[in-house]
Amino acid sequence: MSTILIVEDNDKNMKLARDILRAKGYDTLEAVNGEDGVRLALQHKPDLVLMDIQLPDINGIQAFQRIRANAETADTPVVAFTASVTANDRSRIGDAGFDGLLSKPVNLKDFLETIKRVLEGPRI
C-alpha cells in the first residue's frame, strides 16, 4: 500500500487525516512543520504528501517548493490541505503547481477521492 506523509501542525487535523488514511490501508508518516515535512519527504520518499499551507515555520508552499527542487522527490505528488480556500488562495496553490487541493473541514468523500485520484491518475 502507498505511504502518505501528512504535514499538519494541528493535532486534531493530523489525527483525523491519519485515522482516515490508515482505515483505508495507507501507511502514514507525520510532520508537524514544514522543515520536518521536507526532511521526511527526502528521507522516506513517500508516494504522496498531504501538505498544510499554514505552518509555524516555513509555510506549505515553501516546503512544497523544496520538495520539488530535489531531484529525488521532484515527482512526488503533493496535495494542499488547508482551511484557507479563498479565490486568491486557490490561485496561489494552483500557480505553485500542487497536484490537488483539499479543504478543511474534511469532506470524507472528497478527501478519499482526491487521494485516490492523485495516487492513481495523471497529475493536474
Protein backbone atom coordinates (compact mmCIF):
# COMPACT_ATOMS: atom_id res chain seq x y z
CA MET A 1 0.00 0.00 0.00
CA SER A 2 1.05 3.57 -0.51
CA THR A 3 2.79 5.72 2.09
CA ILE A 4 1.42 9.21 2.66
CA LEU A 5 3.30 11.93 4.52
CA ILE A 6 0.94 14.24 6.42
CA VAL A 7 2.40 17.67 7.17
CA GLU A 8 -0.02 19.29 9.63
CA ASP A 9 0.53 21.36 12.79
CA ASN A 10 -2.97 20.95 14.24
CA ASP A 11 -3.27 17.80 16.38
CA LYS A 12 -6.96 17.24 15.61
CA ASN A 13 -6.49 17.61 11.85
CA MET A 14 -3.44 15.33 11.97
CA LYS A 15 -5.34 12.65 13.88
CA LEU A 16 -8.34 12.86 11.54
CA ALA A 17 -6.23 12.57 8.38
CA ARG A 18 -4.11 9.78 9.88
CA ASP A 19 -7.15 7.81 11.07
CA ILE A 20 -8.92 8.09 7.71
CA LEU A 21 -5.85 7.09 5.73
CA ARG A 22 -4.91 4.19 7.99
CA ALA A 23 -8.50 2.90 7.95
CA LYS A 24 -8.20 2.73 4.16
CA GLY A 25 -4.93 0.80 4.40
CA TYR A 26 -2.41 3.56 3.75
CA ASP A 27 0.80 3.82 5.72
CA THR A 28 1.40 7.29 7.15
CA LEU A 29 4.30 9.45 8.18
CA GLU A 30 3.74 12.64 10.18
CA ALA A 31 5.42 16.02 10.39
CA VAL A 32 4.20 18.98 12.44
CA ASN A 33 6.03 21.69 10.50
CA GLY A 34 7.37 22.40 7.03
CA GLU A 35 11.04 21.77 7.81
CA ASP A 36 10.26 18.30 9.21
CA GLY A 37 7.96 17.65 6.25
CA VAL A 38 10.76 18.37 3.79
CA ARG A 39 13.20 16.26 5.80
CA LEU A 40 10.82 13.28 5.97
CA ALA A 41 9.93 13.57 2.28
CA LEU A 42 13.61 13.47 1.32
CA GLN A 43 14.38 10.67 3.76
CA HIS A 44 11.40 8.35 3.08
CA LYS A 45 10.24 9.36 -0.42
CA PRO A 46 6.52 8.85 0.26
CA ASP A 47 4.03 8.15 -2.52
CA LEU A 48 2.12 11.34 -1.68
CA VAL A 49 2.46 14.35 0.61
CA LEU A 50 -0.59 15.95 2.21
CA MET A 51 0.63 19.49 2.97
CA ASP A 52 -0.99 22.05 5.23
CA ILE A 53 -0.36 25.56 3.91
CA GLN A 54 -0.32 27.49 7.21
CA LEU A 55 2.61 26.04 9.17
CA PRO A 56 4.59 27.51 12.08
CA ASP A 57 7.98 27.74 10.38
CA ILE A 58 8.18 27.67 6.60
CA ASN A 59 4.74 27.62 5.01
CA GLY A 60 3.38 24.75 2.97
CA ILE A 61 4.15 26.42 -0.35
CA GLN A 62 7.80 26.90 0.63
CA ALA A 63 8.02 23.28 1.84
CA PHE A 64 6.40 22.11 -1.41
CA GLN A 65 8.94 24.08 -3.44
CA ARG A 66 11.83 22.49 -1.53
CA ILE A 67 10.41 19.01 -2.10
CA ARG A 68 10.02 19.70 -5.82
CA ALA A 69 13.51 21.25 -6.06
CA ASN A 70 15.17 17.97 -5.03
CA ALA A 71 15.71 15.52 -7.90
CA GLU A 72 14.77 12.54 -5.71
CA THR A 73 11.35 13.95 -4.77
CA ALA A 74 10.64 16.24 -7.73
CA ASP A 75 7.86 13.96 -8.99
CA THR A 76 6.29 13.24 -5.60
CA PRO A 77 2.63 14.29 -5.71
CA VAL A 78 1.74 16.95 -3.15
CA VAL A 79 -1.83 17.85 -2.22
CA ALA A 80 -2.51 21.13 -0.43
CA PHE A 81 -4.57 20.58 2.73
CA THR A 82 -5.86 23.88 4.04
CA ALA A 83 -8.68 25.67 5.81
CA SER A 84 -7.98 28.78 3.76
CA VAL A 85 -9.55 28.37 0.33
CA THR A 86 -10.37 31.84 -0.91
CA ALA A 87 -10.12 32.53 -4.63
CA ASN A 88 -6.70 34.09 -4.00
CA ASP A 89 -5.55 31.02 -2.07
CA ARG A 90 -6.76 28.69 -4.82
CA SER A 91 -4.85 30.77 -7.34
CA ARG A 92 -1.63 30.72 -5.27
CA ILE A 93 -1.89 26.98 -4.71
CA GLY A 94 -2.64 26.35 -8.38
CA ASP A 95 0.18 28.63 -9.52
CA ALA A 96 2.61 26.82 -7.21
CA GLY A 97 1.85 23.52 -9.00
CA PHE A 98 0.24 21.40 -6.30
CA ASP A 99 -1.34 18.18 -7.55
CA GLY A 100 -4.61 18.77 -5.74
CA LEU A 101 -6.38 20.79 -3.09
CA LEU A 102 -8.34 19.56 -0.08
CA SER A 103 -10.15 21.94 2.21
CA LYS A 104 -10.80 21.73 5.91
CA PRO A 105 -13.11 20.81 7.46
CA VAL A 106 -12.67 17.47 5.74
CA ASN A 107 -15.36 16.11 3.44
CA LEU A 108 -14.68 12.36 3.65
CA LYS A 109 -15.80 11.57 0.10
CA ASP A 110 -13.75 14.41 -1.45
CA PHE A 111 -10.77 13.55 0.73
CA LEU A 112 -10.66 9.90 -0.33
CA GLU A 113 -11.43 10.61 -3.99
CA THR A 114 -8.65 13.19 -4.20
CA ILE A 115 -6.11 10.92 -2.56
CA LYS A 116 -7.03 8.05 -4.88
CA ARG A 117 -7.04 10.26 -8.00
CA VAL A 118 -3.65 11.74 -7.25
CA LEU A 119 -2.07 8.39 -6.39
CA GLU A 120 -3.52 6.53 -9.37
CA GLY A 121 -4.12 9.07 -12.09
CA PRO A 122 -2.37 11.71 -14.10
CA ARG A 123 -1.32 14.83 -12.27
CA ILE A 124 -3.29 18.04 -12.78
